[in-house]
Protein backbone atom coordinates (compact mmCIF):
# COMPACT_ATOMS: atom_id res chain seq x y z
CA MET A 1 0.20 0.23 -0.33
CA ASN A 2 1.34 3.21 -1.07
CA SER A 3 1.94 6.07 1.57
CA ARG A 4 1.54 9.80 1.86
CA ASN A 5 4.89 10.11 1.26
CA HIS A 6 5.28 7.93 -2.03
CA ILE A 7 2.99 10.97 -3.79
CA PRO A 8 4.81 10.69 -7.16
CA HIS A 9 5.97 14.36 -7.96
CA VAL A 10 4.95 14.21 -11.55
CA PRO A 11 1.34 15.80 -11.74
CA LEU A 12 -1.33 13.19 -12.30
CA ALA A 13 -2.76 14.98 -15.30
CA GLU A 14 0.72 14.53 -17.10
CA ARG A 15 1.16 10.89 -15.65
CA ILE A 16 -2.12 9.71 -17.35
CA ARG A 17 -1.81 11.86 -20.65
CA PRO A 18 -2.72 9.73 -23.74
CA ARG A 19 0.24 8.80 -25.90
CA SER A 20 -2.23 7.70 -28.91
CA LEU A 21 -5.64 8.34 -30.11
CA LYS A 22 -6.43 4.99 -28.72
CA ASP A 23 -6.51 6.26 -25.27
CA PHE A 24 -7.72 9.89 -25.94
CA LYS A 25 -11.19 10.97 -24.58
CA GLY A 26 -13.40 13.37 -25.96
CA GLN A 27 -13.54 15.58 -29.14
CA GLU A 28 -15.20 12.57 -31.03
CA LYS A 29 -15.65 15.15 -34.44
CA LEU A 30 -12.01 15.88 -34.59
CA VAL A 31 -10.30 12.54 -33.86
CA GLY A 32 -13.42 9.85 -34.43
CA SER A 33 -12.91 7.70 -37.50
CA SER A 34 -13.88 10.39 -40.07
CA GLY A 35 -12.51 13.22 -37.72
CA PRO A 36 -10.04 15.66 -39.64
CA ILE A 37 -7.38 15.13 -37.10
CA ARG A 38 -7.39 11.45 -37.26
CA SER A 39 -7.35 11.54 -40.58
CA MET A 40 -3.94 13.38 -41.04
CA ILE A 41 -2.37 11.41 -38.56
CA ASP A 42 -3.31 7.81 -40.15
CA ASN A 43 -2.54 8.90 -43.42
CA ASP A 44 0.61 11.02 -42.04
CA LYS A 45 -0.26 14.08 -44.24
CA LEU A 46 -0.02 17.24 -41.92
CA SER A 47 -1.25 20.91 -42.50
CA SER A 48 -0.79 23.64 -40.36
CA PHE A 49 -3.65 24.28 -37.98
CA ILE A 50 -4.86 25.74 -34.83
CA LEU A 51 -6.64 24.24 -31.85
CA TRP A 52 -9.02 26.38 -30.17
CA GLY A 53 -10.77 25.26 -27.32
CA PRO A 54 -11.08 26.00 -23.51
CA PRO A 55 -8.56 24.97 -20.64
CA GLY A 56 -8.45 21.11 -20.21
CA SER A 57 -10.21 20.04 -23.46
CA GLY A 58 -7.14 18.16 -24.95
CA LYS A 59 -5.13 20.44 -27.18
CA THR A 60 -1.32 20.18 -25.72
CA THR A 61 -2.35 16.07 -25.88
CA LEU A 62 -3.37 16.08 -29.47
CA ALA A 63 -0.34 17.91 -30.60
CA ARG A 64 2.07 15.45 -28.26
CA ILE A 65 0.04 12.40 -29.86
CA ILE A 66 0.63 13.94 -33.44
CA SER A 67 4.36 14.45 -32.40
CA LYS A 68 4.73 10.76 -31.26
CA GLN A 69 2.43 8.93 -34.32
CA THR A 70 3.87 11.25 -37.33
CA ASN A 71 7.02 11.21 -39.01
CA SER A 72 8.10 14.61 -37.97
CA GLU A 73 10.76 16.24 -35.87
CA PHE A 74 8.55 17.99 -33.02
CA TYR A 75 9.47 21.42 -31.16
CA GLN A 76 7.16 22.77 -28.68
CA LEU A 77 7.54 26.50 -27.59
CA ASN A 78 5.01 28.57 -25.01
CA ALA A 79 4.25 31.82 -26.27
CA VAL A 80 4.35 33.17 -22.37
CA SER A 81 8.26 32.36 -22.44
CA SER A 82 9.27 32.37 -26.00
CA GLY A 83 9.66 35.15 -28.86
CA VAL A 84 10.78 35.83 -32.24
CA LYS A 85 14.70 34.61 -31.64
CA GLU A 86 13.29 31.01 -30.73
CA VAL A 87 10.92 30.76 -33.56
CA ARG A 88 13.51 31.79 -35.97
CA GLU A 89 16.13 29.14 -34.85
CA ILE A 90 13.33 26.33 -34.98
CA ILE A 91 12.73 27.72 -38.87
CA ARG A 92 16.43 27.72 -39.42
CA LEU A 93 16.48 23.84 -38.14
CA ALA A 94 13.36 23.47 -40.16
CA LYS A 95 14.62 24.24 -43.33
CA THR A 96 17.70 21.93 -42.73
CA ASN A 97 15.19 19.51 -42.18
CA LYS A 98 13.37 20.27 -45.48
CA GLU A 99 16.81 19.96 -47.48
CA HIS A 100 17.11 16.16 -46.03
CA PHE A 101 13.03 15.73 -47.00
CA LYS A 102 12.43 15.53 -43.05
CA ARG A 103 9.11 17.59 -41.70
CA THR A 104 9.56 19.86 -39.01
CA ILE A 105 6.37 19.93 -36.76
CA LEU A 106 6.35 23.65 -34.29
CA PHE A 107 3.96 23.49 -31.52
CA ILE A 108 3.03 26.80 -30.06
CA ASP A 109 1.10 26.77 -26.62
CA GLU A 110 -1.27 29.61 -26.07
CA ILE A 111 -0.24 31.40 -29.40
CA HIS A 112 -2.68 34.13 -28.83
CA ARG A 113 -0.16 35.44 -26.54
CA PHE A 114 2.06 36.09 -29.48
CA ASN A 115 1.98 39.63 -30.64
CA LYS A 116 1.72 40.66 -34.19
CA SER A 117 5.07 40.93 -34.91
CA GLN A 118 5.87 37.52 -33.31
CA GLN A 119 2.87 35.92 -35.46
CA ASP A 120 4.44 37.69 -38.85
CA ALA A 121 7.61 35.86 -37.64
CA LEU A 122 5.92 32.66 -38.71
CA LEU A 123 4.17 33.49 -42.01
CA ALA A 124 6.81 33.11 -44.65
CA ALA A 125 7.81 29.49 -42.83
CA VAL A 126 4.02 28.31 -42.95
CA GLU A 127 3.65 29.43 -46.38
CA SER A 128 6.52 27.76 -47.80
CA GLY A 129 5.67 24.60 -45.59
CA ASP A 130 9.09 24.95 -43.89
CA ILE A 131 7.33 23.91 -40.87
CA ILE A 132 3.82 22.53 -40.06
CA LEU A 133 2.32 24.96 -37.33
CA ILE A 134 0.27 23.61 -34.76
CA GLY A 135 -1.09 26.58 -32.25
CA ALA A 136 -3.19 26.11 -29.15
CA THR A 137 -5.24 28.88 -27.85
CA THR A 138 -7.95 29.24 -25.32
CA GLU A 139 -9.06 32.92 -27.24
CA ASN A 140 -10.96 33.02 -30.27
CA PRO A 141 -8.73 33.09 -33.13
CA SER A 142 -11.05 35.88 -34.88
CA PHE A 143 -9.64 38.24 -32.07
CA GLU A 144 -6.21 37.43 -31.43
CA VAL A 145 -4.22 35.34 -34.20
CA ILE A 146 -3.47 37.48 -37.35
CA PRO A 147 -5.73 37.24 -40.77
CA PRO A 148 -2.64 36.18 -42.57
CA LEU A 149 -1.90 33.44 -40.38
CA ARG A 150 -5.37 32.21 -39.90
CA SER A 151 -5.64 32.18 -43.71
CA ARG A 152 -2.76 29.84 -43.67
CA ALA A 153 -3.50 27.52 -40.77
CA ARG A 154 -7.09 25.54 -40.46
CA VAL A 155 -9.13 26.07 -37.09
CA TYR A 156 -10.20 23.32 -35.34
CA THR A 157 -12.57 23.98 -32.19
CA LEU A 158 -12.65 21.87 -29.44
CA ASN A 159 -15.68 21.83 -27.02
CA GLU A 160 -15.85 21.67 -23.37
CA LEU A 161 -15.59 17.98 -22.07
CA ASN A 162 -18.68 16.52 -20.74
CA GLU A 163 -19.52 14.34 -17.90
CA LYS A 164 -18.97 11.29 -20.37
CA ASP A 165 -15.68 12.53 -21.07
CA LEU A 166 -14.82 13.25 -17.82
CA ASN A 167 -15.79 10.31 -16.58
CA ASP A 168 -13.73 8.06 -18.79
CA ILE A 169 -10.91 10.27 -17.99
CA LEU A 170 -11.60 9.82 -14.38
CA GLU A 171 -11.71 5.94 -14.86
CA TYR A 172 -9.10 5.98 -17.07
CA ALA A 173 -6.82 7.59 -14.05
CA LEU A 174 -8.13 5.14 -11.56
CA THR A 175 -7.66 2.02 -13.32
CA GLU A 176 -4.27 2.90 -15.03
CA ASP A 177 -2.53 5.34 -12.98
CA GLU A 178 0.28 3.13 -11.01
CA TYR A 179 -0.14 5.32 -8.00
CA LEU A 180 -3.83 5.75 -7.67
CA LYS A 181 -4.76 1.69 -8.55
CA GLU A 182 -3.13 0.81 -5.48
CA LEU A 183 -5.15 3.00 -3.23
CA ASP A 184 -8.24 2.13 -1.72
CA LEU A 185 -10.15 4.75 -2.72
CA GLU A 186 -14.02 5.45 -3.09
CA ILE A 187 -15.44 9.15 -4.66
CA GLU A 188 -18.87 9.78 -2.92
CA ASP A 189 -20.10 11.97 -6.01
CA ARG A 190 -18.23 11.86 -9.27
CA ASN A 191 -20.68 14.15 -10.95
CA PHE A 192 -19.96 17.04 -8.07
CA LEU A 193 -16.34 16.24 -8.96
CA PHE A 194 -17.20 16.82 -12.68
CA TYR A 195 -19.09 20.05 -11.97
CA LEU A 196 -16.36 21.69 -9.87
CA SER A 197 -14.02 20.82 -12.81
CA GLY A 198 -16.00 23.34 -14.99
CA GLY A 199 -15.35 20.82 -17.78
CA ASP A 200 -11.44 20.93 -17.60
CA ALA A 201 -10.07 17.59 -17.26
CA ARG A 202 -6.77 18.97 -16.25
CA SER A 203 -8.52 20.92 -13.26
CA MET A 204 -10.63 17.66 -12.50
CA LEU A 205 -7.30 15.38 -11.84
CA ASN A 206 -5.64 18.24 -9.94
CA ILE A 207 -8.53 18.47 -7.65
CA LEU A 208 -8.44 14.87 -7.44
CA GLU A 209 -4.92 14.77 -6.38
CA ASP A 210 -5.11 17.48 -4.36
CA VAL A 211 -7.74 15.64 -2.11
CA ILE A 212 -5.99 12.38 -1.98
CA SER A 213 -2.64 14.25 -0.77
CA GLN A 214 -4.55 15.63 2.08
CA LEU A 215 -6.17 12.70 3.06
CA ASN A 216 -3.99 9.28 2.13
CA SER A 217 -2.36 8.26 5.46
CA GLY A 218 -1.90 4.48 3.97
CA GLY A 219 -5.76 3.47 4.62
CA ARG A 220 -8.75 3.61 2.86
CA ILE A 221 -9.68 7.07 1.50
CA PHE A 222 -13.40 8.10 1.25
CA ILE A 223 -13.62 11.53 -0.76
CA SER A 224 -17.17 13.09 0.11
CA ASN A 225 -18.23 16.33 -1.34
CA GLU A 226 -17.49 18.19 1.73
CA ILE A 227 -13.93 17.34 1.66
CA ILE A 228 -13.61 18.65 -1.77
CA GLU A 229 -14.90 21.79 -0.74
CA LYS A 230 -12.86 22.11 1.96
CA VAL A 231 -9.63 21.32 -0.09
CA ILE A 232 -10.56 23.54 -3.09
CA GLN A 233 -12.53 26.09 -1.48
CA LYS A 234 -13.85 27.59 -4.74
CA LYS A 235 -14.94 26.12 -8.07
CA ASN A 236 -13.10 26.38 -10.90
CA ILE A 237 -14.50 29.26 -12.76
CA LEU A 238 -14.02 29.50 -16.75
CA TYR A 239 -14.03 32.96 -17.50
CA ASP A 240 -11.48 35.17 -19.39
CA LYS A 241 -11.83 38.80 -19.15
CA SER A 242 -10.19 39.49 -22.25
CA GLY A 243 -11.18 36.54 -24.58
CA GLU A 244 -13.85 34.47 -25.96
CA GLU A 245 -15.90 33.75 -22.92
CA HIS A 246 -15.64 37.37 -21.83
CA TYR A 247 -17.90 38.02 -25.32
CA ASN A 248 -19.87 35.22 -24.67
CA ILE A 249 -20.97 36.00 -21.33
CA ILE A 250 -21.63 39.69 -21.44
CA SER A 251 -23.73 39.05 -24.61
CA ALA A 252 -25.87 36.35 -22.63
CA PHE A 253 -26.19 39.09 -19.58
CA ILE A 254 -27.52 41.81 -22.13
CA LYS A 255 -29.54 39.82 -24.03
CA SER A 256 -31.35 38.42 -20.62
CA ILE A 257 -32.11 41.89 -19.64
CA ARG A 258 -33.18 42.79 -22.99
CA GLY A 259 -35.34 39.87 -22.81
CA SER A 260 -37.02 40.94 -19.25
CA ASP A 261 -35.67 37.57 -17.25
CA PRO A 262 -33.91 39.22 -14.22
CA ASP A 263 -33.15 35.67 -12.91
CA ALA A 264 -31.00 34.97 -16.10
CA ALA A 265 -29.45 38.41 -15.94
CA LEU A 266 -28.56 37.55 -12.52
CA TYR A 267 -26.87 34.11 -13.03
CA TRP A 268 -24.64 35.89 -15.94
CA LEU A 269 -23.96 38.73 -13.71
CA ALA A 270 -22.80 36.11 -11.10
CA ARG A 271 -20.62 34.54 -13.60
CA MET A 272 -18.77 37.46 -14.67
CA LEU A 273 -18.45 38.79 -10.60
CA GLU A 274 -17.07 35.58 -9.53
CA GLY A 275 -14.81 34.99 -12.76
CA GLY A 276 -13.21 38.49 -11.81
CA GLU A 277 -14.96 40.80 -14.41
CA ASP A 278 -14.53 44.61 -13.73
CA SER A 279 -17.48 45.57 -11.95
CA LEU A 280 -17.24 49.12 -13.81
CA PHE A 281 -17.32 47.46 -17.30
CA ILE A 282 -20.43 46.23 -16.44
CA ALA A 283 -22.19 49.06 -15.07
CA ARG A 284 -21.08 50.80 -18.29
CA ARG A 285 -22.60 48.45 -20.38
CA LEU A 286 -25.88 49.12 -18.09
CA ILE A 287 -26.02 52.51 -19.18
CA ILE A 288 -25.87 51.63 -22.53
CA LEU A 289 -28.38 49.49 -22.19
CA ALA A 290 -30.71 51.95 -20.49
CA SER A 291 -30.85 53.87 -23.19
CA GLU A 292 -30.56 51.33 -26.26
CA ASP A 293 -33.22 48.72 -24.84
CA ILE A 294 -35.37 50.92 -22.56
CA GLY A 295 -35.26 54.32 -23.58
CA ASN A 296 -38.41 56.56 -23.06
CA ALA A 297 -40.31 53.46 -21.82
CA SER A 298 -38.66 54.13 -18.85
CA PRO A 299 -36.48 57.01 -18.34
CA ASN A 300 -35.51 56.62 -14.78
CA ALA A 301 -33.72 53.34 -16.10
CA LEU A 302 -31.14 55.60 -17.54
CA VAL A 303 -30.96 57.51 -14.23
CA LEU A 304 -30.83 54.33 -11.80
CA ALA A 305 -27.86 53.01 -14.48
CA GLU A 306 -26.06 56.38 -14.34
CA ALA A 307 -26.41 56.21 -10.41
CA CYS A 308 -25.34 52.39 -10.26
CA PHE A 309 -22.15 53.38 -11.99
CA SER A 310 -21.27 56.18 -9.46
CA ALA A 311 -22.15 54.19 -6.71
CA VAL A 312 -19.93 51.26 -8.05
CA ASP A 313 -16.97 53.36 -8.86
CA LYS A 314 -17.14 54.51 -4.96
CA ILE A 315 -18.16 51.40 -3.00
CA GLY A 316 -16.03 48.74 -4.88
CA MET A 317 -16.25 45.01 -4.30
CA PRO A 318 -18.04 42.77 -3.04
CA GLU A 319 -20.74 45.45 -1.80
CA SER A 320 -21.03 46.47 -5.59
CA ARG A 321 -22.67 43.23 -6.37
CA ILE A 322 -25.64 44.10 -4.30
CA ILE A 323 -25.75 47.82 -6.14
CA LEU A 324 -25.22 45.63 -9.68
CA ALA A 325 -28.01 43.27 -8.39
CA GLN A 326 -30.73 46.33 -7.93
CA CYS A 327 -29.84 47.96 -11.30
CA VAL A 328 -29.95 44.52 -13.09
CA THR A 329 -33.05 43.53 -11.94
CA TYR A 330 -34.82 46.80 -12.24
CA LEU A 331 -33.48 47.10 -16.22
CA ALA A 332 -34.76 43.40 -16.95
CA SER A 333 -38.11 44.21 -15.35
CA SER A 334 -38.75 47.68 -17.05
CA PRO A 335 -40.78 48.10 -20.13
CA LYS A 336 -38.64 47.84 -23.33
CA SER A 337 -38.35 50.17 -26.15
CA ASN A 338 -35.62 50.68 -28.72
CA SER A 339 -37.07 53.55 -30.44
CA SER A 340 -34.19 56.24 -29.61
CA TYR A 341 -31.81 53.64 -30.65
CA THR A 342 -33.22 52.74 -34.06
CA ALA A 343 -33.82 56.63 -34.82
CA ILE A 344 -30.39 57.77 -33.92
CA GLU A 345 -29.17 54.84 -36.30
CA LYS A 346 -31.49 56.18 -39.45
CA ALA A 347 -30.30 59.43 -39.02
CA VAL A 348 -26.69 58.44 -38.92
CA SER A 349 -27.32 56.36 -41.88
CA ASP A 350 -29.10 59.48 -43.93
CA VAL A 351 -26.13 61.69 -42.85
CA ARG A 352 -23.49 59.28 -43.93
CA GLN A 353 -25.12 57.95 -47.42
CA SER A 354 -27.38 60.86 -48.78
CA LYS A 355 -26.63 64.28 -49.81
CA LEU A 356 -25.96 67.00 -47.14
CA TYR A 357 -28.68 70.02 -47.39
CA ALA A 358 -28.21 73.45 -46.51
CA VAL A 359 -29.72 74.48 -43.12
CA PRO A 360 -33.04 76.32 -43.75
CA VAL A 361 -32.84 80.31 -43.40
CA HIS A 362 -35.21 80.47 -40.90
CA LEU A 363 -33.64 78.10 -38.57
CA ARG A 364 -30.15 80.02 -38.88
CA ASN A 365 -28.43 82.13 -36.24
CA ALA A 366 -28.14 85.30 -36.86
CA PRO A 367 -25.40 86.93 -34.68
CA THR A 368 -24.68 89.75 -36.89
CA SER A 369 -26.11 92.46 -38.57
CA PHE A 370 -24.94 91.75 -41.87
CA MET A 371 -26.20 87.89 -41.31
CA LYS A 372 -29.56 89.65 -40.45
CA ASN A 373 -29.69 91.25 -43.43
CA LEU A 374 -29.22 87.99 -45.45
CA GLY A 375 -32.48 86.77 -43.84
CA TYR A 376 -30.94 84.47 -41.22
CA GLY A 377 -33.41 83.70 -38.64
CA SER A 378 -36.26 85.73 -40.52
CA ASP A 379 -39.69 83.90 -40.03
CA TYR A 380 -38.82 81.93 -37.56
CA LYS A 381 -42.06 80.93 -35.30
CA TYR A 382 -41.27 80.86 -31.72
CA PRO A 383 -43.38 78.01 -30.03
CA HIS A 384 -43.90 79.58 -26.77
CA ASP A 385 -45.62 82.70 -28.48
CA HIS A 386 -48.14 79.80 -29.75
CA PRO A 387 -50.79 77.92 -27.61
CA GLY A 388 -49.48 74.51 -26.30
CA ASN A 389 -45.93 75.72 -26.79
CA PHE A 390 -46.09 74.19 -30.25
CA VAL A 391 -46.56 75.31 -33.82
CA PRO A 392 -46.40 73.17 -37.00
CA GLU A 393 -43.09 73.95 -38.46
CA ASN A 394 -40.57 72.42 -40.74
CA TYR A 395 -37.20 71.73 -38.95
CA LEU A 396 -35.49 69.93 -41.64
CA PRO A 397 -33.91 70.82 -44.87
CA GLU A 398 -36.71 71.71 -47.31
CA GLU A 399 -35.95 68.48 -49.27
CA MET A 400 -36.46 66.15 -46.15
CA LYS A 401 -39.55 68.04 -45.12
CA ASN A 402 -41.68 65.74 -42.82
CA THR A 403 -38.88 62.61 -42.75
CA GLN A 404 -39.37 60.56 -39.65
CA TYR A 405 -36.98 58.65 -37.72
CA TYR A 406 -38.52 58.42 -34.32
CA PHE A 407 -41.67 56.12 -33.67
CA PRO A 408 -42.19 55.90 -30.15
CA SER A 409 -43.38 52.57 -29.18
CA GLU A 410 -46.59 51.61 -26.91
CA ASN A 411 -44.65 50.54 -24.09
CA GLY A 412 -44.46 52.24 -20.58
CA GLN A 413 -44.29 55.86 -20.41
CA GLU A 414 -43.22 56.20 -24.31
CA LYS A 415 -47.02 55.47 -25.29
CA ASN A 416 -47.81 59.11 -23.45
CA LEU A 417 -45.17 60.77 -25.59
CA LYS A 418 -46.27 59.27 -28.56
CA GLU A 419 -49.71 60.30 -27.83
CA ARG A 420 -48.31 63.77 -27.30
CA LEU A 421 -46.81 63.64 -30.72
CA LYS A 422 -49.38 62.70 -32.43
CA ASN A 423 -51.80 65.35 -31.20
CA PHE A 424 -48.92 67.93 -31.88
CA TRP A 425 -48.34 66.91 -35.94
CA ASN A 426 -51.70 65.99 -36.44
CA GLY A 427 -51.05 63.65 -39.66
CA LEU A 428 -47.92 65.48 -40.61
CA LYS A 429 -46.02 62.74 -39.30
CA LYS A 430 -47.00 58.89 -38.50
CA TYR A 431 -47.26 58.41 -34.67
């Protein structure tokens, strides 16, 4: 029986890393019988590609399997610790290999951390086939990989591992790892372990190893949910403040408020806050939403959103979560109108695409006697001199007379504005 002192120094995730596709779990669409990566390996015909997927989904493992199962010389760089100098040295070696009809694979982990000039250094070698580039990234290549490099390398998307995938990996670890298979080990609830991992196989194995290292004293090991929680303290939350998940979750958050679902909005808010998102970024988005999606249906929405931003700025976390929650639930529960948003979009479109007409003379400013003599401002009808402080007047260029951009909705307080404008314009505009 192993004792605590005999825990291997090599992490569990590395000890059980698959060496062939036979032992690889998940990503069936890529490595299944008709998958493109399997076909490349089986046929030993490689082209450059980028693996895009969440942490612990198998990117590095696939690259290493390719290195072992293809007739290629394999080099690996991490974009965090490597730069153009290392890339150029490998390209130099690759050109020598090519002269001797030997293929070279360059695997760059976290390729999204390479800046533009570093990525530029790869272009010619990838284009000429001097190297086969395999990049791995957790970030959307559309944002983080330069277009010329994307055009030279296919992008394969890896999915977050599901419960079956994680269970297969866990079972493989328990039965194949020389250390674990000698332990008298019982896990109370595997699904709880899967949940805490957030779909990340490496995280799941690290959690398991951390728990075992604290419990193993040579006897039976029972891993309860309570013990797991005590050891890890906090769920592994997948959220990258500058990457793909950032854009996905803020999108879901805004759409939930727009869709008048305060519960969904609160969930996505919690995901962002627990993932470390900047609370002021969230508050700024709420100000925009208050005008774009609520507008005059509930004018107080903008007032509350602005007050929310100010309060969050002054208070900070963790108390700001309460302020954000109040604002989010109010905005989600408010009547909705995008009439102001669509109105300005239409007006901007006309300004950009149509002819720009002169300001009508009666609307022009006349600060000098010369301008007054030219008729600037003459015949202007001052609304306050008329009943109801309104007089029918054309405030647009004559060529655009009666053009309408703003169409108030029937929702909330905007309905009252619509009725007021309808009475004013009395058929001249379509309210």
